[in-house]
PDB file of all heavy atoms in Angstrom:
ATOM      1  N   ASP A   1      -8.926  22.573 -21.474  1.00  0.00           N
ATOM      2  CA  ASP A   1      -7.801  23.395 -21.939  1.00  0.00           C
ATOM      3  C   ASP A   1      -6.647  22.545 -22.456  1.00  0.00           C
ATOM      4  O   ASP A   1      -6.175  22.722 -23.569  1.00  0.00           O
ATOM      5  CB  ASP A   1      -7.282  24.286 -20.799  1.00  0.00           C
ATOM      6  CG  ASP A   1      -8.100  25.552 -20.639  1.00  0.00           C
ATOM      7  OD1 ASP A   1      -9.207  25.624 -21.213  1.00  0.00           O
ATOM      8  OD2 ASP A   1      -7.643  26.468 -19.931  1.00  0.00           O
ATOM      9  N   ASP A   2      -6.165  21.643 -21.620  1.00  0.00           N
ATOM     10  CA  ASP A   2      -5.012  20.843 -22.014  1.00  0.00           C
ATOM     11  C   ASP A   2      -5.135  19.433 -21.449  1.00  0.00           C
ATOM     12  O   ASP A   2      -4.142  18.815 -21.081  1.00  0.00           O
ATOM     13  CB  ASP A   2      -3.719  21.506 -21.529  1.00  0.00           C
ATOM     14  CG  ASP A   2      -2.487  20.989 -22.264  1.00  0.00           C
ATOM     15  OD1 ASP A   2      -2.622  20.624 -23.446  1.00  0.00           O
ATOM     16  OD2 ASP A   2      -1.397  20.951 -21.658  1.00  0.00           O
ATOM     17  N   TYR A   3      -6.369  18.963 -21.365  1.00  0.00           N
ATOM     18  CA  TYR A   3      -6.626  17.669 -20.737  1.00  0.00           C
ATOM     19  C   TYR A   3      -7.817  17.019 -21.424  1.00  0.00           C
ATOM     20  O   TYR A   3      -8.761  17.703 -21.811  1.00  0.00           O
ATOM     21  CB  TYR A   3      -6.921  17.853 -19.253  1.00  0.00           C
ATOM     22  CG  TYR A   3      -6.707  16.612 -18.424  1.00  0.00           C
ATOM     23  CD1 TYR A   3      -5.426  16.232 -18.041  1.00  0.00           C
ATOM     24  CD2 TYR A   3      -7.776  15.816 -18.045  1.00  0.00           C
ATOM     25  CE1 TYR A   3      -5.223  15.090 -17.288  1.00  0.00           C
ATOM     26  CE2 TYR A   3      -7.585  14.671 -17.295  1.00  0.00           C
ATOM     27  CZ  TYR A   3      -6.309  14.312 -16.914  1.00  0.00           C
ATOM     28  OH  TYR A   3      -6.097  13.168 -16.175  1.00  0.00           O
ATOM     29  N   VAL A   4      -7.752  15.694 -21.560  1.00  0.00           N
ATOM     30  CA  VAL A   4      -8.799  14.965 -22.261  1.00  0.00           C
ATOM     31  C   VAL A   4      -9.316  13.826 -21.381  1.00  0.00           C
ATOM     32  O   VAL A   4      -8.532  13.062 -20.816  1.00  0.00           O
ATOM     33  CB  VAL A   4      -8.289  14.363 -23.587  1.00  0.00           C
ATOM     34  CG1 VAL A   4      -9.449  13.804 -24.408  1.00  0.00           C
ATOM     35  CG2 VAL A   4      -7.509  15.390 -24.395  1.00  0.00           C
ATOM     36  N   TYR A   5     -10.642  13.752 -21.269  1.00  0.00           N
ATOM     37  CA  TYR A   5     -11.283  12.610 -20.616  1.00  0.00           C
ATOM     38  C   TYR A   5     -11.786  11.678 -21.718  1.00  0.00           C
ATOM     39  O   TYR A   5     -12.524  12.098 -22.612  1.00  0.00           O
ATOM     40  CB  TYR A   5     -12.458  13.061 -19.753  1.00  0.00           C
ATOM     41  CG  TYR A   5     -12.047  13.825 -18.514  1.00  0.00           C
ATOM     42  CD1 TYR A   5     -11.897  15.204 -18.545  1.00  0.00           C
ATOM     43  CD2 TYR A   5     -11.809  13.161 -17.307  1.00  0.00           C
ATOM     44  CE1 TYR A   5     -11.525  15.910 -17.417  1.00  0.00           C
ATOM     45  CE2 TYR A   5     -11.432  13.861 -16.162  1.00  0.00           C
ATOM     46  CZ  TYR A   5     -11.295  15.231 -16.221  1.00  0.00           C
ATOM     47  OH  TYR A   5     -10.921  15.930 -15.101  1.00  0.00           O
ATOM     48  N   ILE A   6     -11.400  10.402 -21.649  1.00  0.00           N
ATOM     49  CA  ILE A   6     -11.778   9.423 -22.655  1.00  0.00           C
ATOM     50  C   ILE A   6     -12.832   8.485 -22.076  1.00  0.00           C
ATOM     51  O   ILE A   6     -12.603   7.826 -21.051  1.00  0.00           O
ATOM     52  CB  ILE A   6     -10.567   8.593 -23.132  1.00  0.00           C
ATOM     53  CG1 ILE A   6      -9.472   9.502 -23.689  1.00  0.00           C
ATOM     54  CG2 ILE A   6     -11.005   7.576 -24.178  1.00  0.00           C
ATOM     55  CD1 ILE A   6      -9.842  10.216 -24.966  1.00  0.00           C
ATOM     56  N   VAL A   7     -13.988   8.439 -22.741  1.00  0.00           N
ATOM     57  CA  VAL A   7     -15.070   7.531 -22.357  1.00  0.00           C
ATOM     58  C   VAL A   7     -15.129   6.421 -23.408  1.00  0.00           C
ATOM     59  O   VAL A   7     -15.086   6.707 -24.610  1.00  0.00           O
ATOM     60  CB  VAL A   7     -16.418   8.286 -22.304  1.00  0.00           C
ATOM     61  CG1 VAL A   7     -17.523   7.353 -21.785  1.00  0.00           C
ATOM     62  CG2 VAL A   7     -16.316   9.528 -21.428  1.00  0.00           C
ATOM     63  N   HIS A   8     -15.239   5.174 -22.971  1.00  0.00           N
ATOM     64  CA  HIS A   8     -15.291   4.022 -23.891  1.00  0.00           C
ATOM     65  C   HIS A   8     -13.993   3.942 -24.698  1.00  0.00           C
ATOM     66  O   HIS A   8     -14.000   4.070 -25.914  1.00  0.00           O
ATOM     67  CB  HIS A   8     -16.480   4.112 -24.864  1.00  0.00           C
ATOM     68  CG  HIS A   8     -17.794   4.284 -24.192  1.00  0.00           C
ATOM     69  ND1 HIS A   8     -18.907   4.725 -24.863  1.00  0.00           N
ATOM     70  CD2 HIS A   8     -18.200   4.078 -22.916  1.00  0.00           C
ATOM     71  CE1 HIS A   8     -19.929   4.788 -24.038  1.00  0.00           C
ATOM     72  NE2 HIS A   8     -19.523   4.401 -22.847  1.00  0.00           N
ATOM     73  N   SER A   9     -12.895   3.756 -24.040  1.00  0.00           N
ATOM     74  CA  SER A   9     -11.608   3.752 -24.738  1.00  0.00           C
ATOM     75  C   SER A   9     -11.462   2.532 -25.629  1.00  0.00           C
ATOM     76  O   SER A   9     -11.730   1.399 -25.230  1.00  0.00           O
ATOM     77  CB  SER A   9     -10.465   3.781 -23.722  1.00  0.00           C
ATOM     78  OG  SER A   9     -10.493   2.614 -22.926  1.00  0.00           O
ATOM     79  N   GLY A  10     -11.059   2.800 -26.865  1.00  0.00           N
ATOM     80  CA  GLY A  10     -10.795   1.743 -27.835  1.00  0.00           C
ATOM     81  C   GLY A  10      -9.530   2.064 -28.595  1.00  0.00           C
ATOM     82  O   GLY A  10      -8.809   3.020 -28.273  1.00  0.00           O
ATOM     83  N   LEU A  11      -9.261   1.300 -29.618  1.00  0.00           N
ATOM     84  CA  LEU A  11      -8.014   1.459 -30.367  1.00  0.00           C
ATOM     85  C   LEU A  11      -7.907   2.839 -31.004  1.00  0.00           C
ATOM     86  O   LEU A  11      -6.837   3.450 -30.997  1.00  0.00           O
ATOM     87  CB  LEU A  11      -7.922   0.377 -31.446  1.00  0.00           C
ATOM     88  CG  LEU A  11      -6.666   0.426 -32.336  1.00  0.00           C
ATOM     89  CD1 LEU A  11      -5.407   0.243 -31.494  1.00  0.00           C
ATOM     90  CD2 LEU A  11      -6.754  -0.651 -33.427  1.00  0.00           C
ATOM     91  N   LEU A  12      -9.014   3.366 -31.554  1.00  0.00           N
ATOM     92  CA  LEU A  12      -8.949   4.647 -32.259  1.00  0.00           C
ATOM     93  C   LEU A  12      -8.598   5.791 -31.314  1.00  0.00           C
ATOM     94  O   LEU A  12      -7.744   6.624 -31.622  1.00  0.00           O
ATOM     95  CB  LEU A  12     -10.279   4.924 -32.964  1.00  0.00           C
ATOM     96  CG  LEU A  12     -10.643   3.979 -34.109  1.00  0.00           C
ATOM     97  CD1 LEU A  12     -12.068   4.226 -34.573  1.00  0.00           C
ATOM     98  CD2 LEU A  12      -9.667   4.143 -35.271  1.00  0.00           C
ATOM     99  N   SER A  13      -9.241   5.839 -30.158  1.00  0.00           N
ATOM    100  CA  SER A  13      -8.937   6.915 -29.207  1.00  0.00           C
ATOM    101  C   SER A  13      -7.535   6.748 -28.631  1.00  0.00           C
ATOM    102  O   SER A  13      -6.801   7.732 -28.459  1.00  0.00           O
ATOM    103  CB  SER A  13      -9.971   6.961 -28.091  1.00  0.00           C
ATOM    104  OG  SER A  13     -10.012   5.753 -27.375  1.00  0.00           O
ATOM    105  N   LYS A  14      -7.142   5.516 -28.357  1.00  0.00           N
ATOM    106  CA  LYS A  14      -5.803   5.281 -27.810  1.00  0.00           C
ATOM    107  C   LYS A  14      -4.725   5.714 -28.804  1.00  0.00           C
ATOM    108  O   LYS A  14      -3.710   6.297 -28.425  1.00  0.00           O
ATOM    109  CB  LYS A  14      -5.631   3.798 -27.468  1.00  0.00           C
ATOM    110  CG  LYS A  14      -6.418   3.361 -26.242  1.00  0.00           C
ATOM    111  CD  LYS A  14      -6.280   1.863 -26.000  1.00  0.00           C
ATOM    112  CE  LYS A  14      -7.078   1.429 -24.774  1.00  0.00           C
ATOM    113  NZ  LYS A  14      -7.030  -0.033 -24.568  1.00  0.00           N
ATOM    114  N   THR A  15      -4.954   5.423 -30.087  1.00  0.00           N
ATOM    115  CA  THR A  15      -3.983   5.814 -31.109  1.00  0.00           C
ATOM    116  C   THR A  15      -3.854   7.333 -31.188  1.00  0.00           C
ATOM    117  O   THR A  15      -2.747   7.868 -31.293  1.00  0.00           O
ATOM    118  CB  THR A  15      -4.413   5.256 -32.483  1.00  0.00           C
ATOM    119  OG1 THR A  15      -4.470   3.835 -32.402  1.00  0.00           O
ATOM    120  CG2 THR A  15      -3.430   5.661 -33.562  1.00  0.00           C
ATOM    121  N   THR A  16      -4.996   8.037 -31.124  1.00  0.00           N
ATOM    122  CA  THR A  16      -4.959   9.505 -31.178  1.00  0.00           C
ATOM    123  C   THR A  16      -4.214  10.070 -29.984  1.00  0.00           C
ATOM    124  O   THR A  16      -3.390  10.985 -30.129  1.00  0.00           O
ATOM    125  CB  THR A  16      -6.391  10.074 -31.223  1.00  0.00           C
ATOM    126  OG1 THR A  16      -7.058   9.564 -32.368  1.00  0.00           O
ATOM    127  CG2 THR A  16      -6.365  11.599 -31.285  1.00  0.00           C
ATOM    128  N   MET A  17      -4.488   9.574 -28.798  1.00  0.00           N
ATOM    129  CA  MET A  17      -3.810  10.085 -27.599  1.00  0.00           C
ATOM    130  C   MET A  17      -2.302   9.848 -27.682  1.00  0.00           C
ATOM    131  O   MET A  17      -1.507  10.711 -27.302  1.00  0.00           O
ATOM    132  CB  MET A  17      -4.378   9.415 -26.340  1.00  0.00           C
ATOM    133  CG  MET A  17      -5.831   9.758 -26.029  1.00  0.00           C
ATOM    134  SD  MET A  17      -6.139  11.523 -25.759  1.00  0.00           S
ATOM    135  CE  MET A  17      -6.844  11.990 -27.360  1.00  0.00           C
ATOM    136  N   ARG A  18      -1.928   8.691 -28.198  1.00  0.00           N
ATOM    137  CA  ARG A  18      -0.504   8.381 -28.325  1.00  0.00           C
ATOM    138  C   ARG A  18       0.151   9.296 -29.356  1.00  0.00           C
ATOM    139  O   ARG A  18       1.249   9.824 -29.142  1.00  0.00           O
ATOM    140  CB  ARG A  18      -0.325   6.912 -28.720  1.00  0.00           C
ATOM    141  CG  ARG A  18       1.120   6.428 -28.634  1.00  0.00           C
ATOM    142  CD  ARG A  18       1.225   4.946 -28.993  1.00  0.00           C
ATOM    143  NE  ARG A  18       0.352   4.121 -28.171  1.00  0.00           N
ATOM    144  CZ  ARG A  18      -0.676   3.414 -28.647  1.00  0.00           C
ATOM    145  NH1 ARG A  18      -0.957   3.447 -29.943  1.00  0.00           N
ATOM    146  NH2 ARG A  18      -1.419   2.678 -27.840  1.00  0.00           N
ATOM    147  N   PHE A  19      -0.528   9.507 -30.486  1.00  0.00           N
ATOM    148  CA  PHE A  19       0.025  10.352 -31.553  1.00  0.00           C
ATOM    149  C   PHE A  19       0.154  11.802 -31.089  1.00  0.00           C
ATOM    150  O   PHE A  19       1.164  12.461 -31.332  1.00  0.00           O
ATOM    151  CB  PHE A  19      -0.874  10.272 -32.790  1.00  0.00           C
ATOM    152  CG  PHE A  19      -0.451  11.181 -33.910  1.00  0.00           C
ATOM    153  CD1 PHE A  19       0.602  10.835 -34.750  1.00  0.00           C
ATOM    154  CD2 PHE A  19      -1.094  12.395 -34.125  1.00  0.00           C
ATOM    155  CE1 PHE A  19       1.005  11.670 -35.776  1.00  0.00           C
ATOM    156  CE2 PHE A  19      -0.696  13.236 -35.150  1.00  0.00           C
ATOM    157  CZ  PHE A  19       0.353  12.878 -35.979  1.00  0.00           C
ATOM    158  N   ASP A  20      -0.881  12.314 -30.398  1.00  0.00           N
ATOM    159  CA  ASP A  20      -0.874  13.713 -29.961  1.00  0.00           C
ATOM    160  C   ASP A  20      -0.067  13.941 -28.688  1.00  0.00           C
ATOM    161  O   ASP A  20       0.168  15.083 -28.304  1.00  0.00           O
ATOM    162  CB  ASP A  20      -2.310  14.197 -29.717  1.00  0.00           C
ATOM    163  CG  ASP A  20      -3.080  14.417 -31.007  1.00  0.00           C
ATOM    164  OD1 ASP A  20      -2.442  14.401 -32.086  1.00  0.00           O
ATOM    165  OD2 ASP A  20      -4.304  14.606 -30.938  1.00  0.00           O
ATOM    166  N   LYS A  21       0.338  12.839 -28.021  1.00  0.00           N
ATOM    167  CA  LYS A  21       1.032  12.950 -26.725  1.00  0.00           C
ATOM    168  C   LYS A  21       0.214  13.824 -25.761  1.00  0.00           C
ATOM    169  O   LYS A  21       0.732  14.701 -25.080  1.00  0.00           O
ATOM    170  CB  LYS A  21       2.443  13.503 -26.906  1.00  0.00           C
ATOM    171  CG  LYS A  21       3.359  12.595 -27.723  1.00  0.00           C
ATOM    172  CD  LYS A  21       4.768  13.167 -27.833  1.00  0.00           C
ATOM    173  CE  LYS A  21       5.733  12.189 -28.492  1.00  0.00           C
ATOM    174  NZ  LYS A  21       5.371  11.870 -29.873  1.00  0.00           N
ATOM    175  N   ALA A  22      -1.090  13.569 -25.749  1.00  0.00           N
ATOM    176  CA  ALA A  22      -2.014  14.374 -24.949  1.00  0.00           C
ATOM    177  C   ALA A  22      -2.006  13.939 -23.488  1.00  0.00           C
ATOM    178  O   ALA A  22      -1.686  12.788 -23.158  1.00  0.00           O
ATOM    179  CB  ALA A  22      -3.425  14.263 -25.522  1.00  0.00           C
ATOM    180  N   HIS A  23      -2.381  14.867 -22.615  1.00  0.00           N
ATOM    181  CA  HIS A  23      -2.604  14.555 -21.211  1.00  0.00           C
ATOM    182  C   HIS A  23      -4.046  14.066 -21.090  1.00  0.00           C
ATOM    183  O   HIS A  23      -4.983  14.804 -21.407  1.00  0.00           O
ATOM    184  CB  HIS A  23      -2.399  15.791 -20.341  1.00  0.00           C
ATOM    185  CG  HIS A  23      -1.058  16.444 -20.523  1.00  0.00           C
ATOM    186  ND1 HIS A  23       0.123  15.785 -20.299  1.00  0.00           N
ATOM    187  CD2 HIS A  23      -0.718  17.691 -20.930  1.00  0.00           C
ATOM    188  CE1 HIS A  23       1.144  16.595 -20.538  1.00  0.00           C
ATOM    189  NE2 HIS A  23       0.661  17.753 -20.937  1.00  0.00           N
ATOM    190  N   PHE A  24      -4.250  12.831 -20.605  1.00  0.00           N
ATOM    191  CA  PHE A  24      -5.602  12.277 -20.621  1.00  0.00           C
ATOM    192  C   PHE A  24      -5.782  11.258 -19.507  1.00  0.00           C
ATOM    193  O   PHE A  24      -4.820  10.802 -18.882  1.00  0.00           O
ATOM    194  CB  PHE A  24      -5.893  11.625 -21.978  1.00  0.00           C
ATOM    195  CG  PHE A  24      -5.106  10.364 -22.233  1.00  0.00           C
ATOM    196  CD1 PHE A  24      -5.652   9.117 -21.966  1.00  0.00           C
ATOM    197  CD2 PHE A  24      -3.809  10.427 -22.738  1.00  0.00           C
ATOM    198  CE1 PHE A  24      -4.933   7.964 -22.188  1.00  0.00           C
ATOM    199  CE2 PHE A  24      -3.080   9.272 -22.973  1.00  0.00           C
ATOM    200  CZ  PHE A  24      -3.647   8.032 -22.700  1.00  0.00           C
ATOM    201  N   GLU A  25      -7.057  10.917 -19.291  1.00  0.00           N
ATOM    202  CA  GLU A  25      -7.384   9.805 -18.412  1.00  0.00           C
ATOM    203  C   GLU A  25      -8.656   9.141 -18.908  1.00  0.00           C
ATOM    204  O   GLU A  25      -9.487   9.765 -19.581  1.00  0.00           O
ATOM    205  CB  GLU A  25      -7.560  10.253 -16.957  1.00  0.00           C
ATOM    206  CG  GLU A  25      -8.773  11.106 -16.685  1.00  0.00           C
ATOM    207  CD  GLU A  25      -8.918  11.440 -15.208  1.00  0.00           C
ATOM    208  OE1 GLU A  25      -9.499  10.602 -14.477  1.00  0.00           O
ATOM    209  OE2 GLU A  25      -8.462  12.520 -14.791  1.00  0.00           O
ATOM    210  N   TYR A  26      -8.799   7.854 -18.596  1.00  0.00           N
ATOM    211  CA  TYR A  26      -9.982   7.111 -18.958  1.00  0.00           C
ATOM    212  C   TYR A  26     -11.001   7.195 -17.834  1.00  0.00           C
ATOM    213  O   TYR A  26     -10.650   7.080 -16.659  1.00  0.00           O
ATOM    214  CB  TYR A  26      -9.640   5.645 -19.229  1.00  0.00           C
ATOM    215  CG  TYR A  26      -8.709   5.446 -20.395  1.00  0.00           C
ATOM    216  CD1 TYR A  26      -7.447   4.887 -20.229  1.00  0.00           C
ATOM    217  CD2 TYR A  26      -9.093   5.810 -21.678  1.00  0.00           C
ATOM    218  CE1 TYR A  26      -6.587   4.698 -21.303  1.00  0.00           C
ATOM    219  CE2 TYR A  26      -8.238   5.635 -22.765  1.00  0.00           C
ATOM    220  CZ  TYR A  26      -6.993   5.080 -22.559  1.00  0.00           C
ATOM    221  OH  TYR A  26      -6.152   4.899 -23.620  1.00  0.00           O
ATOM    222  N   VAL A  27     -12.273   7.387 -18.196  1.00  0.00           N
ATOM    223  CA  VAL A  27     -13.358   7.370 -17.220  1.00  0.00           C
ATOM    224  C   VAL A  27     -14.443   6.427 -17.719  1.00  0.00           C
ATOM    225  O   VAL A  27     -14.616   6.244 -18.922  1.00  0.00           O
ATOM    226  CB  VAL A  27     -13.950   8.779 -16.979  1.00  0.00           C
ATOM    227  CG1 VAL A  27     -12.947   9.684 -16.277  1.00  0.00           C
ATOM    228  CG2 VAL A  27     -14.416   9.422 -18.282  1.00  0.00           C
ATOM    229  N   LYS A  28     -15.197   5.847 -16.787  1.00  0.00           N
ATOM    230  CA  LYS A  28     -16.209   4.866 -17.163  1.00  0.00           C
ATOM    231  C   LYS A  28     -17.488   5.507 -17.668  1.00  0.00           C
ATOM    232  O   LYS A  28     -18.276   4.866 -18.373  1.00  0.00           O
ATOM    233  CB  LYS A  28     -16.501   3.953 -15.977  1.00  0.00           C
ATOM    234  CG  LYS A  28     -15.331   3.048 -15.603  1.00  0.00           C
ATOM    235  CD  LYS A  28     -15.712   2.118 -14.458  1.00  0.00           C
ATOM    236  CE  LYS A  28     -14.558   1.188 -14.107  1.00  0.00           C
ATOM    237  NZ  LYS A  28     -14.916   0.282 -12.980  1.00  0.00           N
ATOM    238  N   SER A  29     -17.710   6.767 -17.298  1.00  0.00           N
ATOM    239  CA  SER A  29     -18.968   7.425 -17.651  1.00  0.00           C
ATOM    240  C   SER A  29     -18.756   8.911 -17.842  1.00  0.00           C
ATOM    241  O   SER A  29     -17.868   9.508 -17.202  1.00  0.00           O
ATOM    242  CB  SER A  29     -19.990   7.184 -16.544  1.00  0.00           C
ATOM    243  OG  SER A  29     -21.101   8.047 -16.673  1.00  0.00           O
ATOM    244  N   VAL A  30     -19.577   9.524 -18.702  1.00  0.00           N
ATOM    245  CA  VAL A  30     -19.531  10.978 -18.876  1.00  0.00           C
ATOM    246  C   VAL A  30     -19.842  11.681 -17.560  1.00  0.00           C
ATOM    247  O   VAL A  30     -19.391  12.802 -17.323  1.00  0.00           O
ATOM    248  CB  VAL A  30     -20.516  11.419 -19.979  1.00  0.00           C
ATOM    249  CG1 VAL A  30     -20.549  12.941 -20.102  1.00  0.00           C
ATOM    250  CG2 VAL A  30     -20.119  10.818 -21.318  1.00  0.00           C
ATOM    251  N   ASP A  31     -20.591  11.025 -16.683  1.00  0.00           N
ATOM    252  CA  ASP A  31     -20.925  11.627 -15.390  1.00  0.00           C
ATOM    253  C   ASP A  31     -19.694  11.866 -14.524  1.00  0.00           C
ATOM    254  O   ASP A  31     -19.754  12.634 -13.560  1.00  0.00           O
ATOM    255  CB  ASP A  31     -21.910  10.729 -14.626  1.00  0.00           C
ATOM    256  CG  ASP A  31     -23.269  10.661 -15.311  1.00  0.00           C
ATOM    257  OD1 ASP A  31     -23.631  11.642 -15.991  1.00  0.00           O
ATOM    258  OD2 ASP A  31     -23.955   9.627 -15.174  1.00  0.00           O
ATOM    259  N   ARG A  32     -18.579  11.227 -14.866  1.00  0.00           N
ATOM    260  CA  ARG A  32     -17.332  11.430 -14.118  1.00  0.00           C
ATOM    261  C   ARG A  32     -16.524  12.608 -14.638  1.00  0.00           C
ATOM    262  O   ARG A  32     -15.468  12.932 -14.096  1.00  0.00           O
ATOM    263  CB  ARG A  32     -16.465  10.163 -14.192  1.00  0.00           C
ATOM    264  CG  ARG A  32     -17.139   8.897 -13.689  1.00  0.00           C
ATOM    265  CD  ARG A  32     -17.371   8.915 -12.200  1.00  0.00           C
ATOM    266  NE  ARG A  32     -16.123   8.990 -11.460  1.00  0.00           N
ATOM    267  CZ  ARG A  32     -15.395   7.929 -11.104  1.00  0.00           C
ATOM    268  NH1 ARG A  32     -15.802   6.711 -11.431  1.00  0.00           N
ATOM    269  NH2 ARG A  32     -14.278   8.078 -10.412  1.00  0.00           N
ATOM    270  N   VAL A  33     -17.019  13.248 -15.687  1.00  0.00           N
ATOM    271  CA  VAL A  33     -16.330  14.390 -16.301  1.00  0.00           C
ATOM    272  C   VAL A  33     -16.875  15.688 -15.694  1.00  0.00           C
ATOM    273  O   VAL A  33     -18.086  15.829 -15.538  1.00  0.00           O
ATOM    274  CB  VAL A  33     -16.541  14.394 -17.827  1.00  0.00           C
ATOM    275  CG1 VAL A  33     -15.855  15.585 -18.465  1.00  0.00           C
ATOM    276  CG2 VAL A  33     -16.035  13.083 -18.434  1.00  0.00           C
ATOM    277  N   PRO A  34     -16.011  16.654 -15.342  1.00  0.00           N
ATOM    278  CA  PRO A  34     -16.501  17.935 -14.817  1.00  0.00           C
ATOM    279  C   PRO A  34     -17.524  18.573 -15.749  1.00  0.00           C
ATOM    280  O   PRO A  34     -17.420  18.466 -16.973  1.00  0.00           O
ATOM    281  CB  PRO A  34     -15.229  18.782 -14.715  1.00  0.00           C
ATOM    282  CG  PRO A  34     -14.131  17.785 -14.556  1.00  0.00           C
ATOM    283  CD  PRO A  34     -14.539  16.596 -15.374  1.00  0.00           C
ATOM    284  N   GLU A  35     -18.509  19.254 -15.204  1.00  0.00           N
ATOM    285  CA  GLU A  35     -19.608  19.828 -15.978  1.00  0.00           C
ATOM    286  C   GLU A  35     -19.185  21.014 -16.836  1.00  0.00           C
ATOM    287  O   GLU A  35     -19.625  21.168 -17.966  1.00  0.00           O
ATOM    288  CB  GLU A  35     -20.742  20.264 -15.044  1.00  0.00           C
ATOM    289  CG  GLU A  35     -21.737  19.166 -14.709  1.00  0.00           C
ATOM    290  CD  GLU A  35     -22.583  18.763 -15.906  1.00  0.00           C
ATOM    291  OE1 GLU A  35     -23.143  19.645 -16.583  1.00  0.00           O
ATOM    292  OE2 GLU A  35     -22.678  17.551 -16.173  1.00  0.00           O
TER     293      GLU A  35
END
C-alpha cells in the first residue's frame, strides 16, 4: 500500500526511493517479503 521492500539495492533503486520519498527497507531476499 505505502511501503516498498528493496531486494538487491543499487544506485537506480536508491535514486528512485530518494526521489519519491518512499517508505522502504532493504531486504536480502524476496523470502523476507510478506507473501
